[in-house]
Protein backbone atom coordinates (compact mmCIF):
# COMPACT_ATOMS: atom_id res chain seq x y z
CA MET A 1 8.32 -5.32 0.48
CA LEU A 2 5.39 -5.54 3.00
CA ILE A 3 2.25 -6.94 3.80
CA ALA A 4 -0.70 -4.67 4.07
CA ARG A 5 -4.48 -4.36 4.49
CA VAL A 6 -6.06 -0.62 2.70
CA ILE A 7 -8.17 0.58 6.20
CA GLY A 8 -9.08 3.71 4.82
CA SER A 9 -8.20 6.88 2.93
CA ALA A 10 -6.90 10.43 3.20
CA VAL A 11 -7.92 13.85 1.58
CA SER A 12 -5.58 16.60 0.87
CA THR A 13 -6.46 19.76 -1.08
CA VAL A 14 -2.67 21.48 -0.32
CA LYS A 15 0.31 19.44 -1.20
CA ALA A 16 3.68 19.25 -3.27
CA ASP A 17 2.49 19.62 -6.80
CA ILE A 18 4.05 16.43 -7.81
CA LEU A 19 1.65 14.54 -5.48
CA VAL A 20 -1.49 16.50 -7.06
CA GLY A 21 -4.23 13.54 -8.36
CA ARG A 22 -2.24 10.94 -6.22
CA LYS A 23 -4.48 8.53 -4.28
CA LEU A 24 -3.19 8.40 -0.92
CA LEU A 25 -4.56 5.43 0.96
CA ILE A 26 -4.19 4.72 4.65
CA VAL A 27 -2.41 0.91 5.05
CA CYS A 28 -1.51 -1.25 8.52
CA GLU A 29 1.41 -3.52 8.21
CA THR A 30 -0.84 -7.32 8.20
CA SER A 31 1.21 -10.66 9.37
CA VAL A 32 0.98 -13.31 6.43
CA SER A 33 -2.34 -15.58 8.52
CA ASP A 34 -4.51 -12.00 8.01
CA GLU A 35 -3.91 -9.92 11.70
CA MET A 36 -2.67 -6.14 11.32
CA THR A 37 0.43 -6.44 13.27
CA GLY A 38 1.75 -2.39 12.75
CA LYS A 39 0.39 1.28 13.57
CA PRO A 40 -1.45 2.59 10.01
CA PHE A 41 0.29 4.81 7.52
CA VAL A 42 -0.40 6.48 4.59
CA ALA A 43 0.95 5.19 1.31
CA ILE A 44 0.76 6.58 -2.21
CA ASP A 45 -1.92 3.97 -4.80
CA ALA A 46 -0.15 3.54 -7.82
CA VAL A 47 -2.32 1.02 -9.06
CA GLY A 48 -5.64 1.31 -7.67
CA ALA A 49 -6.14 -0.14 -4.53
CA GLY A 50 -9.29 0.06 -2.99
CA HIS A 51 -10.74 -0.52 0.81
CA GLY A 52 -9.99 -3.64 2.18
CA GLU A 53 -7.51 -5.09 -0.03
CA LEU A 54 -4.52 -6.66 0.80
CA VAL A 55 -1.48 -5.17 -1.00
CA LEU A 56 2.04 -4.71 -1.00
CA ILE A 57 4.09 -1.89 -0.26
CA SER A 58 7.45 -0.34 -0.88
CA GLN A 59 9.15 1.74 1.92
CA GLY A 60 11.64 4.30 1.69
CA SER A 61 13.95 5.47 -1.77
CA ALA A 62 12.70 2.04 -2.96
CA GLY A 63 8.84 3.81 -2.71
CA ARG A 64 10.13 6.54 -5.90
CA PHE A 65 10.63 3.75 -8.40
CA THR A 66 7.33 3.88 -10.13
CA PRO A 67 6.73 6.01 -12.64
CA MET A 68 4.45 8.20 -10.60
CA THR A 69 6.55 8.74 -7.17
CA VAL A 70 10.04 9.52 -9.68
CA ASP A 71 11.34 12.61 -7.47
CA ALA A 72 8.34 12.93 -5.70
CA PRO A 73 8.41 13.13 -1.49
CA VAL A 74 7.28 9.50 -1.09
CA ASP A 75 8.33 7.23 2.00
CA ALA A 76 5.57 4.67 1.31
CA VAL A 77 3.53 3.57 -2.03
CA ILE A 78 1.21 0.66 -2.91
CA MET A 79 2.78 -1.30 -5.92
CA GLY A 80 0.43 -4.70 -6.13
CA ILE A 81 -2.90 -6.25 -4.94
CA LEU A 82 -2.40 -9.38 -3.73
CA ASP A 83 -4.74 -12.44 -5.27
CA SER A 84 -3.61 -14.96 -3.16
CA LEU A 85 -0.58 -16.04 -0.06
CA GLU A 86 0.49 -18.97 0.36
CA VAL A 87 2.72 -20.31 3.63
CA ASP A 88 4.17 -23.12 4.00
CA GLY A 89 2.04 -25.33 1.68
CA THR A 90 -1.44 -23.68 3.51
CA THR A 91 -3.59 -20.85 1.53
CA THR A 92 -3.66 -18.04 3.96
CA PHE A 93 -5.68 -15.53 1.91
CA ARG A 94 -7.88 -15.59 -0.87
CA LYS A 95 -9.10 -12.54 -2.89
CA SER A 96 -12.72 -13.53 -2.70
C-alpha cells in the first residue's frame, strides 16, 4: 500500500464498460511527513475520497481485489481514507 494525496480528478466519457460510473482521481505518492514524493497518477476511487484527502492506494494486481474492481483493467485503487498517521510516537498527520 502507498500513502497518497488526492490532487485532482479526471473525466473520461469513453472507457471500458466495466469502468463506467467509476470516479477517477489524480493522486500523488506522499511521505509520512506529508511531502509529495512521486509523479501524479490516476486511481479508481472505491471509498468516496475527495480533493486534498490523504488516502491509501493499492497498486498492481492487488488493486483488483475490491468488489468494484474485480476483473477491471485497474492498476491503482483508493481503498482507504486516512484519519491520522503516527510515526515513531509522533503524529505526522491528523484529519481536521
